[in-house]
Amino acid sequence: MTASLGAWMVAIQIFSEMLAQDIFPDTVSCNALMNVAERAGQWQTVLQLLVCMTAKAAKPNEISFTSGISASDRSGHWELAMRLLSHMPRHRISCSEMSGTAAMSSCERLQRWEAAVHLLSTIPTADEISFNIGIAACRESLQWAAALQLLASMPRADAPADLVTFNALLNQCGEGALREEG
């Protein structure tokens, strides 16, 4: 049994005990359970909790939606991750680094570089991590020009390029050269 799965089972017991004592979960307790569920690969449970939160007194926040986005991404449900991101404004929750970067990671894994770059443009306070994910998404799809444009736009966003940024770009050069030879 993995540590995540063990923690998941303990978390379920604690949550069940809470309900048995008529202590109703709030946003913090739901988010904590969602976090443990996500790490244990229980993506459907994460989504069920998110749905329950929208119907109950525990109102979802950005952490709740980010857990749902990440769980959807890790389970290979890219479209669901994007749908959750689009539902956030209905709950008066705006996309920030946390939720935007989670959604961008999903785009990167599925080589949807255009979607990743678009999401990056919607994050008002994008940092170097967000840009690095955007550059990685471009790298996965061999979009050199787009990756270099992101690098050029980093200073304007007050997001300094770092070692990860340059390593991603250098790897892109190598991958591109290998594909050109093949």
N, C-alpha and C. Protein backbone atom coordinates (compact mmCIF):
# COMPACT_ATOMS: atom_id res chain seq x y z
N MET A 1 0.86 -1.18 0.00
CA MET A 1 0.00 0.00 0.00
C MET A 1 0.90 1.24 0.00
N THR A 2 0.64 2.17 -0.90
CA THR A 2 1.45 3.38 -0.95
C THR A 2 1.07 4.31 0.20
N ALA A 3 1.99 5.23 0.49
CA ALA A 3 1.72 6.19 1.56
C ALA A 3 0.49 7.03 1.26
N SER A 4 0.33 7.40 -0.02
CA SER A 4 -0.83 8.22 -0.40
C SER A 4 -2.14 7.47 -0.17
N LEU A 5 -2.13 6.19 -0.52
CA LEU A 5 -3.35 5.40 -0.35
C LEU A 5 -3.65 5.19 1.13
N GLY A 6 -2.60 4.98 1.93
CA GLY A 6 -2.78 4.85 3.38
C GLY A 6 -3.34 6.12 3.99
N ALA A 7 -2.79 7.26 3.56
CA ALA A 7 -3.28 8.55 4.06
C ALA A 7 -4.73 8.76 3.63
N TRP A 8 -5.06 8.31 2.43
CA TRP A 8 -6.42 8.45 1.91
C TRP A 8 -7.40 7.69 2.79
N MET A 9 -7.04 6.48 3.16
CA MET A 9 -7.94 5.66 3.98
C MET A 9 -8.13 6.28 5.37
N VAL A 10 -7.07 6.82 5.94
CA VAL A 10 -7.17 7.49 7.24
C VAL A 10 -8.04 8.74 7.11
N ALA A 11 -7.83 9.49 6.04
CA ALA A 11 -8.61 10.72 5.83
C ALA A 11 -10.10 10.40 5.72
N ILE A 12 -10.44 9.34 5.02
CA ILE A 12 -11.85 8.95 4.89
C ILE A 12 -12.43 8.59 6.26
N GLN A 13 -11.66 7.90 7.08
CA GLN A 13 -12.13 7.55 8.43
C GLN A 13 -12.38 8.81 9.26
N ILE A 14 -11.46 9.75 9.18
CA ILE A 14 -11.61 11.01 9.93
C ILE A 14 -12.84 11.77 9.44
N PHE A 15 -12.99 11.86 8.13
CA PHE A 15 -14.12 12.58 7.55
C PHE A 15 -15.43 11.91 7.95
N SER A 16 -15.47 10.59 7.92
CA SER A 16 -16.67 9.85 8.32
C SER A 16 -17.00 10.09 9.79
N GLU A 17 -15.98 10.12 10.63
CA GLU A 17 -16.19 10.37 12.06
C GLU A 17 -16.74 11.78 12.27
N MET A 18 -16.24 12.70 11.51
CA MET A 18 -16.71 14.09 11.58
C MET A 18 -18.22 14.14 11.29
N LEU A 19 -18.62 13.47 10.21
CA LEU A 19 -20.04 13.45 9.84
C LEU A 19 -20.87 12.71 10.87
N ALA A 20 -20.33 11.63 11.42
CA ALA A 20 -21.05 10.85 12.44
C ALA A 20 -21.34 11.67 13.69
N GLN A 21 -20.48 12.64 13.96
CA GLN A 21 -20.66 13.50 15.13
C GLN A 21 -21.43 14.78 14.79
N ASP A 22 -22.09 14.78 13.64
CA ASP A 22 -22.87 15.93 13.18
C ASP A 22 -22.04 17.21 13.07
N ILE A 23 -20.78 17.04 12.74
CA ILE A 23 -19.91 18.19 12.45
C ILE A 23 -19.82 18.25 10.93
N PHE A 24 -20.38 19.30 10.38
CA PHE A 24 -20.46 19.39 8.93
C PHE A 24 -19.21 20.05 8.37
N PRO A 25 -18.66 19.46 7.32
CA PRO A 25 -17.40 19.96 6.76
C PRO A 25 -17.55 21.36 6.17
N ASP A 26 -16.49 22.12 6.33
CA ASP A 26 -16.43 23.44 5.71
C ASP A 26 -15.49 23.36 4.51
N THR A 27 -15.22 24.50 3.92
CA THR A 27 -14.35 24.54 2.74
C THR A 27 -12.97 23.98 3.05
N VAL A 28 -12.42 24.32 4.20
CA VAL A 28 -11.07 23.85 4.55
C VAL A 28 -11.03 22.33 4.67
N SER A 29 -12.00 21.75 5.36
CA SER A 29 -11.98 20.29 5.53
C SER A 29 -12.23 19.58 4.20
N CYS A 30 -13.10 20.11 3.37
CA CYS A 30 -13.33 19.51 2.04
C CYS A 30 -12.07 19.60 1.18
N ASN A 31 -11.42 20.77 1.20
CA ASN A 31 -10.19 20.93 0.43
C ASN A 31 -9.10 19.97 0.90
N ALA A 32 -9.01 19.78 2.21
CA ALA A 32 -8.01 18.86 2.75
C ALA A 32 -8.28 17.44 2.27
N LEU A 33 -9.55 17.02 2.30
CA LEU A 33 -9.89 15.68 1.83
C LEU A 33 -9.65 15.56 0.32
N MET A 34 -9.97 16.61 -0.42
CA MET A 34 -9.73 16.60 -1.86
C MET A 34 -8.24 16.46 -2.16
N ASN A 35 -7.42 17.14 -1.40
CA ASN A 35 -5.97 17.07 -1.60
C ASN A 35 -5.46 15.65 -1.39
N VAL A 36 -5.90 15.01 -0.31
CA VAL A 36 -5.48 13.63 -0.04
C VAL A 36 -6.01 12.69 -1.13
N ALA A 37 -7.26 12.90 -1.54
CA ALA A 37 -7.85 12.05 -2.58
C ALA A 37 -7.09 12.20 -3.89
N GLU A 38 -6.74 13.43 -4.23
CA GLU A 38 -5.99 13.66 -5.46
C GLU A 38 -4.66 12.93 -5.44
N ARG A 39 -3.94 13.03 -4.35
CA ARG A 39 -2.63 12.37 -4.23
C ARG A 39 -2.74 10.85 -4.28
N ALA A 40 -3.88 10.33 -3.85
CA ALA A 40 -4.09 8.87 -3.87
C ALA A 40 -4.67 8.39 -5.20
N GLY A 41 -4.84 9.32 -6.14
CA GLY A 41 -5.37 8.95 -7.44
C GLY A 41 -6.88 8.75 -7.46
N GLN A 42 -7.56 9.26 -6.48
CA GLN A 42 -9.01 9.13 -6.37
C GLN A 42 -9.70 10.32 -7.04
N TRP A 43 -9.47 10.49 -8.33
CA TRP A 43 -9.94 11.67 -9.04
C TRP A 43 -11.46 11.79 -9.03
N GLN A 44 -12.17 10.68 -9.11
CA GLN A 44 -13.63 10.75 -9.11
C GLN A 44 -14.16 11.26 -7.77
N THR A 45 -13.48 10.89 -6.70
CA THR A 45 -13.87 11.38 -5.37
C THR A 45 -13.65 12.89 -5.28
N VAL A 46 -12.55 13.36 -5.84
CA VAL A 46 -12.28 14.80 -5.84
C VAL A 46 -13.43 15.53 -6.53
N LEU A 47 -13.84 15.03 -7.68
CA LEU A 47 -14.91 15.69 -8.43
C LEU A 47 -16.25 15.58 -7.69
N GLN A 48 -16.51 14.45 -7.05
CA GLN A 48 -17.75 14.31 -6.28
C GLN A 48 -17.78 15.31 -5.12
N LEU A 49 -16.65 15.48 -4.46
CA LEU A 49 -16.59 16.46 -3.37
C LEU A 49 -16.83 17.87 -3.89
N LEU A 50 -16.25 18.18 -5.04
CA LEU A 50 -16.44 19.51 -5.63
C LEU A 50 -17.91 19.75 -5.95
N VAL A 51 -18.57 18.76 -6.50
CA VAL A 51 -20.00 18.88 -6.80
C VAL A 51 -20.80 19.05 -5.51
N CYS A 52 -20.48 18.25 -4.49
CA CYS A 52 -21.18 18.37 -3.21
C CYS A 52 -20.98 19.75 -2.59
N MET A 53 -19.78 20.28 -2.73
CA MET A 53 -19.50 21.60 -2.15
C MET A 53 -20.37 22.67 -2.79
N THR A 54 -20.59 22.58 -4.08
CA THR A 54 -21.39 23.61 -4.75
C THR A 54 -22.85 23.54 -4.31
N ALA A 55 -23.29 22.37 -3.82
CA ALA A 55 -24.68 22.21 -3.40
C ALA A 55 -24.87 22.41 -1.89
N LYS A 56 -23.80 22.48 -1.15
CA LYS A 56 -23.88 22.57 0.32
C LYS A 56 -23.34 23.90 0.82
N ALA A 57 -23.27 24.02 2.12
CA ALA A 57 -22.79 25.25 2.75
C ALA A 57 -21.29 25.47 2.55
N ALA A 58 -20.55 24.41 2.34
CA ALA A 58 -19.10 24.55 2.11
C ALA A 58 -18.90 25.02 0.68
N LYS A 59 -18.58 26.27 0.52
CA LYS A 59 -18.44 26.84 -0.81
C LYS A 59 -17.05 26.55 -1.37
N PRO A 60 -16.98 26.08 -2.62
CA PRO A 60 -15.67 25.82 -3.21
C PRO A 60 -14.92 27.13 -3.43
N ASN A 61 -13.60 27.05 -3.34
CA ASN A 61 -12.75 28.20 -3.63
C ASN A 61 -11.74 27.79 -4.69
N GLU A 62 -10.75 28.63 -4.92
CA GLU A 62 -9.79 28.31 -5.98
C GLU A 62 -9.03 27.03 -5.67
N ILE A 63 -8.74 26.79 -4.41
CA ILE A 63 -8.05 25.55 -4.04
C ILE A 63 -8.90 24.34 -4.40
N SER A 64 -10.20 24.43 -4.17
CA SER A 64 -11.12 23.33 -4.51
C SER A 64 -11.08 23.05 -6.00
N PHE A 65 -11.22 24.10 -6.80
CA PHE A 65 -11.22 23.92 -8.24
C PHE A 65 -9.86 23.46 -8.75
N THR A 66 -8.79 23.96 -8.17
CA THR A 66 -7.46 23.53 -8.59
C THR A 66 -7.27 22.05 -8.32
N SER A 67 -7.76 21.57 -7.19
CA SER A 67 -7.71 20.12 -6.91
C SER A 67 -8.47 19.34 -7.98
N GLY A 68 -9.63 19.83 -8.33
CA GLY A 68 -10.42 19.18 -9.38
C GLY A 68 -9.72 19.19 -10.73
N ILE A 69 -9.11 20.33 -11.06
CA ILE A 69 -8.38 20.45 -12.32
C ILE A 69 -7.19 19.49 -12.34
N SER A 70 -6.43 19.48 -11.26
CA SER A 70 -5.25 18.60 -11.19
C SER A 70 -5.65 17.13 -11.22
N ALA A 71 -6.69 16.78 -10.49
CA ALA A 71 -7.14 15.38 -10.48
C ALA A 71 -7.63 14.96 -11.86
N SER A 72 -8.34 15.84 -12.54
CA SER A 72 -8.81 15.54 -13.89
C SER A 72 -7.63 15.35 -14.84
N ASP A 73 -6.66 16.23 -14.72
CA ASP A 73 -5.47 16.16 -15.56
C ASP A 73 -4.72 14.84 -15.32
N ARG A 74 -4.47 14.53 -14.08
CA ARG A 74 -3.70 13.31 -13.76
C ARG A 74 -4.40 12.03 -14.19
N SER A 75 -5.71 12.09 -14.30
CA SER A 75 -6.45 10.90 -14.73
C SER A 75 -6.66 10.88 -16.25
N GLY A 76 -6.09 11.86 -16.94
CA GLY A 76 -6.18 11.89 -18.40
C GLY A 76 -7.44 12.54 -18.94
N HIS A 77 -8.16 13.27 -18.13
CA HIS A 77 -9.40 13.91 -18.56
C HIS A 77 -9.16 15.41 -18.78
N TRP A 78 -8.46 15.73 -19.86
CA TRP A 78 -8.08 17.10 -20.18
C TRP A 78 -9.30 18.00 -20.34
N GLU A 79 -10.30 17.50 -21.07
CA GLU A 79 -11.48 18.32 -21.33
C GLU A 79 -12.20 18.68 -20.04
N LEU A 80 -12.24 17.74 -19.11
CA LEU A 80 -12.88 18.00 -17.83
C LEU A 80 -12.12 19.06 -17.04
N ALA A 81 -10.80 19.01 -17.10
CA ALA A 81 -9.99 20.03 -16.43
C ALA A 81 -10.32 21.42 -16.98
N MET A 82 -10.45 21.52 -18.30
CA MET A 82 -10.76 22.82 -18.92
C MET A 82 -12.18 23.26 -18.56
N ARG A 83 -13.09 22.31 -18.48
CA ARG A 83 -14.47 22.65 -18.11
C ARG A 83 -14.53 23.20 -16.69
N LEU A 84 -13.78 22.56 -15.78
CA LEU A 84 -13.75 23.06 -14.40
C LEU A 84 -13.20 24.48 -14.35
N LEU A 85 -12.16 24.73 -15.12
CA LEU A 85 -11.59 26.08 -15.16
C LEU A 85 -12.63 27.08 -15.65
N SER A 86 -13.41 26.68 -16.64
CA SER A 86 -14.43 27.59 -17.19
C SER A 86 -15.60 27.81 -16.22
N HIS A 87 -15.81 26.88 -15.28
CA HIS A 87 -16.89 27.03 -14.29
C HIS A 87 -16.52 27.94 -13.13
N MET A 88 -15.26 28.22 -12.96
CA MET A 88 -14.84 29.03 -11.81
C MET A 88 -15.52 30.40 -11.74
N PRO A 89 -15.62 31.14 -12.85
CA PRO A 89 -16.27 32.46 -12.76
C PRO A 89 -17.72 32.40 -12.28
N ARG A 90 -18.42 31.29 -12.53
CA ARG A 90 -19.80 31.15 -12.04
C ARG A 90 -19.86 31.17 -10.52
N HIS A 91 -18.75 30.82 -9.90
CA HIS A 91 -18.67 30.82 -8.44
C HIS A 91 -17.89 32.03 -7.93
N ARG A 92 -17.74 33.01 -8.82
CA ARG A 92 -17.02 34.25 -8.51
C ARG A 92 -15.58 33.97 -8.08
N ILE A 93 -14.96 33.03 -8.77
CA ILE A 93 -13.57 32.67 -8.52
C ILE A 93 -12.81 32.93 -9.81
N SER A 94 -11.79 33.76 -9.73
CA SER A 94 -11.03 34.06 -10.94
C SER A 94 -9.81 33.15 -11.04
N CYS A 95 -9.38 32.99 -12.27
CA CYS A 95 -8.20 32.17 -12.55
C CYS A 95 -6.95 32.93 -12.10
N SER A 96 -6.12 32.27 -11.34
CA SER A 96 -4.84 32.87 -10.93
C SER A 96 -3.74 31.88 -11.26
N GLU A 97 -2.55 32.16 -10.75
CA GLU A 97 -1.41 31.27 -11.00
C GLU A 97 -1.74 29.83 -10.66
N MET A 98 -2.34 29.61 -9.52
CA MET A 98 -2.56 28.25 -9.03
C MET A 98 -3.45 27.45 -9.98
N SER A 99 -4.63 27.93 -10.26
CA SER A 99 -5.55 27.19 -11.11
C SER A 99 -5.12 27.22 -12.57
N GLY A 100 -4.62 28.36 -13.02
CA GLY A 100 -4.16 28.48 -14.40
C GLY A 100 -3.00 27.56 -14.71
N THR A 101 -2.05 27.49 -13.79
CA THR A 101 -0.89 26.63 -13.98
C THR A 101 -1.30 25.16 -13.97
N ALA A 102 -2.24 24.80 -13.11
CA ALA A 102 -2.73 23.42 -13.10
C ALA A 102 -3.35 23.06 -14.45
N ALA A 103 -4.14 23.96 -15.00
CA ALA A 103 -4.77 23.72 -16.30
C ALA A 103 -3.72 23.70 -17.41
N MET A 104 -2.73 24.57 -17.31
CA MET A 104 -1.66 24.60 -18.32
C MET A 104 -0.88 23.29 -18.32
N SER A 105 -0.67 22.71 -17.17
CA SER A 105 0.03 21.42 -17.09
C SER A 105 -0.72 20.35 -17.87
N SER A 106 -2.02 20.40 -17.79
CA SER A 106 -2.85 19.46 -18.54
C SER A 106 -2.64 19.67 -20.03
N CYS A 107 -2.61 20.92 -20.45
CA CYS A 107 -2.39 21.23 -21.86
C CYS A 107 -1.02 20.74 -22.32
N GLU A 108 -0.02 20.94 -21.48
CA GLU A 108 1.33 20.50 -21.82
C GLU A 108 1.37 18.99 -22.05
N ARG A 109 0.80 18.23 -21.14
CA ARG A 109 0.83 16.77 -21.25
C ARG A 109 0.18 16.26 -22.53
N LEU A 110 -0.83 16.97 -22.97
CA LEU A 110 -1.56 16.53 -24.16
C LEU A 110 -1.14 17.27 -25.42
N GLN A 111 -0.03 17.98 -25.33
CA GLN A 111 0.54 18.72 -26.46
C GLN A 111 -0.47 19.70 -27.07
N ARG A 112 -1.14 20.41 -26.22
CA ARG A 112 -2.08 21.45 -26.66
C ARG A 112 -1.45 22.80 -26.34
N TRP A 113 -0.42 23.11 -27.11
CA TRP A 113 0.37 24.29 -26.80
C TRP A 113 -0.43 25.58 -26.96
N GLU A 114 -1.32 25.64 -27.96
CA GLU A 114 -2.11 26.86 -28.15
C GLU A 114 -2.97 27.15 -26.92
N ALA A 115 -3.58 26.10 -26.38
CA ALA A 115 -4.41 26.26 -25.18
C ALA A 115 -3.56 26.70 -24.00
N ALA A 116 -2.36 26.14 -23.87
CA ALA A 116 -1.47 26.52 -22.76
C ALA A 116 -1.08 27.99 -22.87
N VAL A 117 -0.73 28.42 -24.07
CA VAL A 117 -0.33 29.82 -24.26
C VAL A 117 -1.52 30.75 -24.01
N HIS A 118 -2.70 30.34 -24.46
CA HIS A 118 -3.89 31.15 -24.20
C HIS A 118 -4.15 31.27 -22.70
N LEU A 119 -4.09 30.15 -22.00
CA LEU A 119 -4.30 30.18 -20.55
C LEU A 119 -3.29 31.08 -19.87
N LEU A 120 -2.05 31.01 -20.31
CA LEU A 120 -1.01 31.87 -19.73
C LEU A 120 -1.40 33.34 -19.87
N SER A 121 -1.98 33.69 -21.00
CA SER A 121 -2.36 35.10 -21.22
C SER A 121 -3.52 35.53 -20.32
N THR A 122 -4.24 34.58 -19.74
CA THR A 122 -5.37 34.93 -18.87
C THR A 122 -4.98 35.02 -17.39
N ILE A 123 -3.75 34.63 -17.07
CA ILE A 123 -3.31 34.66 -15.67
C ILE A 123 -2.73 36.04 -15.39
N PRO A 124 -3.40 36.85 -14.58
CA PRO A 124 -2.95 38.23 -14.37
C PRO A 124 -1.58 38.34 -13.70
N THR A 125 -1.22 37.39 -12.88
CA THR A 125 0.06 37.46 -12.16
C THR A 125 0.92 36.24 -12.47
N ALA A 126 1.05 35.92 -13.75
CA ALA A 126 1.83 34.75 -14.14
C ALA A 126 3.28 34.92 -13.68
N ASP A 127 3.84 33.83 -13.16
CA ASP A 127 5.22 33.85 -12.70
C ASP A 127 6.07 32.96 -13.60
N GLU A 128 7.34 32.77 -13.23
CA GLU A 128 8.24 31.98 -14.08
C GLU A 128 7.77 30.52 -14.17
N ILE A 129 7.12 30.02 -13.15
CA ILE A 129 6.62 28.64 -13.22
C ILE A 129 5.55 28.53 -14.31
N SER A 130 4.65 29.49 -14.35
CA SER A 130 3.61 29.50 -15.38
C SER A 130 4.23 29.60 -16.76
N PHE A 131 5.19 30.50 -16.92
CA PHE A 131 5.86 30.64 -18.21
C PHE A 131 6.62 29.37 -18.58
N ASN A 132 7.27 28.74 -17.61
CA ASN A 132 8.01 27.51 -17.89
C ASN A 132 7.09 26.40 -18.38
N ILE A 133 5.90 26.33 -17.82
CA ILE A 133 4.94 25.33 -18.29
C ILE A 133 4.50 25.67 -19.71
N GLY A 134 4.27 26.94 -19.99
CA GLY A 134 3.92 27.36 -21.34
C GLY A 134 5.02 27.03 -22.34
N ILE A 135 6.26 27.29 -21.95
CA ILE A 135 7.41 26.97 -22.82
C ILE A 135 7.52 25.46 -23.01
N ALA A 136 7.31 24.70 -21.95
CA ALA A 136 7.36 23.24 -22.05
C ALA A 136 6.27 22.72 -22.99
N ALA A 137 5.08 23.34 -22.93
CA ALA A 137 4.00 22.93 -23.83
C ALA A 137 4.39 23.21 -25.28
N CYS A 138 5.03 24.34 -25.52
CA CYS A 138 5.51 24.66 -26.87
C CYS A 138 6.59 23.67 -27.30
N ARG A 139 7.47 23.33 -26.37
CA ARG A 139 8.55 22.38 -26.66
C ARG A 139 7.97 21.03 -27.09
N GLU A 140 6.96 20.56 -26.35
CA GLU A 140 6.36 19.26 -26.66
C GLU A 140 5.79 19.21 -28.08
N SER A 141 5.37 20.35 -28.58
CA SER A 141 4.77 20.42 -29.92
C SER A 141 5.72 21.01 -30.95
N LEU A 142 6.99 21.16 -30.58
CA LEU A 142 8.03 21.73 -31.45
C LEU A 142 7.66 23.12 -31.97
N GLN A 143 7.09 23.93 -31.13
CA GLN A 143 6.72 25.30 -31.49
C GLN A 143 7.81 26.25 -31.01
N TRP A 144 8.93 26.27 -31.73
CA TRP A 144 10.09 27.06 -31.34
C TRP A 144 9.75 28.54 -31.22
N ALA A 145 9.09 29.07 -32.25
CA ALA A 145 8.81 30.51 -32.27
C ALA A 145 7.93 30.91 -31.09
N ALA A 146 6.93 30.12 -30.80
CA ALA A 146 6.05 30.43 -29.67
C ALA A 146 6.82 30.38 -28.35
N ALA A 147 7.70 29.40 -28.20
CA ALA A 147 8.50 29.29 -26.98
C ALA A 147 9.40 30.51 -26.82
N LEU A 148 10.01 30.94 -27.91
CA LEU A 148 10.89 32.12 -27.85
C LEU A 148 10.09 33.39 -27.58
N GLN A 149 8.87 33.47 -28.09
CA GLN A 149 8.02 34.62 -27.79
C GLN A 149 7.68 34.67 -26.30
N LEU A 150 7.43 33.52 -25.72
CA LEU A 150 7.16 33.48 -24.27
C LEU A 150 8.38 33.93 -23.49
N LEU A 151 9.55 33.48 -23.90
CA LEU A 151 10.79 33.91 -23.24
C LEU A 151 10.92 35.43 -23.32
N ALA A 152 10.65 35.99 -24.49
CA ALA A 152 10.77 37.43 -24.68
C ALA A 152 9.74 38.21 -23.86
N SER A 153 8.60 37.61 -23.58
CA SER A 153 7.56 38.32 -22.83
C SER A 153 7.72 38.20 -21.32
N MET A 154 8.61 37.35 -20.86
CA MET A 154 8.77 37.15 -19.41
C MET A 154 9.16 38.43 -18.66
N PRO A 155 10.11 39.24 -19.16
CA PRO A 155 10.46 40.46 -18.42
C PRO A 155 9.28 41.42 -18.27
N ARG A 156 8.44 41.53 -19.29
CA ARG A 156 7.27 42.41 -19.20
C ARG A 156 6.30 41.95 -18.13
N ALA A 157 6.27 40.66 -17.86
CA ALA A 157 5.38 40.11 -16.83
C ALA A 157 6.06 40.05 -15.47
N ASP A 158 7.25 40.60 -15.40
CA ASP A 158 8.04 40.56 -14.17
C ASP A 158 8.24 39.12 -13.69
N ALA A 159 8.47 38.24 -14.65
CA ALA A 159 8.71 36.82 -14.37
C ALA A 159 10.10 36.49 -14.91
N PRO A 160 11.09 36.47 -14.05
CA PRO A 160 12.46 36.25 -14.54
C PRO A 160 12.67 34.82 -15.04
N ALA A 161 13.32 34.72 -16.18
CA ALA A 161 13.69 33.39 -16.69
C ALA A 161 14.67 32.76 -15.71
N ASP A 162 14.57 31.45 -15.55
CA ASP A 162 15.46 30.75 -14.63
C ASP A 162 16.10 29.56 -15.33
N LEU A 163 16.79 28.74 -14.58
CA LEU A 163 17.48 27.58 -15.15
C LEU A 163 16.50 26.65 -15.85
N VAL A 164 15.32 26.45 -15.28
CA VAL A 164 14.31 25.58 -15.89
C VAL A 164 13.90 26.14 -17.25
N THR A 165 13.75 27.45 -17.34
CA THR A 165 13.37 28.10 -18.60
C THR A 165 14.38 27.78 -19.68
N PHE A 166 15.65 28.05 -19.38
CA PHE A 166 16.69 27.86 -20.39
C PHE A 166 16.92 26.39 -20.70
N ASN A 167 16.81 25.52 -19.71
CA ASN A 167 16.94 24.08 -19.98
C ASN A 167 15.84 23.60 -20.92
N ALA A 168 14.62 24.09 -20.73
CA ALA A 168 13.51 23.70 -21.61
C ALA A 168 13.79 24.16 -23.04
N LEU A 169 14.29 25.38 -23.18
CA LEU A 169 14.60 25.89 -24.52
C LEU A 169 15.75 25.14 -25.16
N LEU A 170 16.79 24.84 -24.39
CA LEU A 170 17.93 24.08 -24.92
C LEU A 170 17.49 22.66 -25.31
N ASN A 171 16.66 22.05 -24.50
CA ASN A 171 16.15 20.72 -24.84
C ASN A 171 15.32 20.76 -26.11
N GLN A 172 14.58 21.85 -26.29
CA GLN A 172 13.78 21.98 -27.49
C GLN A 172 14.67 22.03 -28.72
N CYS A 173 15.79 22.73 -28.62
CA CYS A 173 16.74 22.77 -29.74
C CYS A 173 17.23 21.37 -30.06
N GLY A 174 17.59 20.61 -29.04
CA GLY A 174 18.07 19.25 -29.25
C GLY A 174 17.01 18.33 -29.83
N GLU A 175 15.80 18.42 -29.31
CA GLU A 175 14.72 17.58 -29.81
C GLU A 175 14.38 17.93 -31.25
N GLY A 176 14.40 19.21 -31.55
CA GLY A 176 14.11 19.65 -32.91
C GLY A 176 15.16 19.16 -33.89
N ALA A 177 16.43 19.21 -33.49
CA ALA A 177 17.51 18.75 -34.36
C ALA A 177 17.39 17.25 -34.60
N LEU A 178 17.06 16.50 -33.56
CA LEU A 178 16.91 15.05 -33.72
C LEU A 178 15.76 14.71 -34.66
N ARG A 179 14.67 15.43 -34.56
CA ARG A 179 13.52 15.16 -35.43
C ARG A 179 13.81 15.57 -36.87
N GLU A 180 14.62 16.62 -37.04
CA GLU A 180 14.98 17.04 -38.40
C GLU A 180 15.87 16.01 -39.07
N GLU A 181 16.75 15.36 -38.28
CA GLU A 181 17.65 14.34 -38.82
C GLU A 181 16.89 13.07 -39.16
N GLY A 182 15.86 12.76 -38.35
CA GLY A 182 15.11 11.50 -38.49
C GLY A 182 14.22 11.53 -39.65
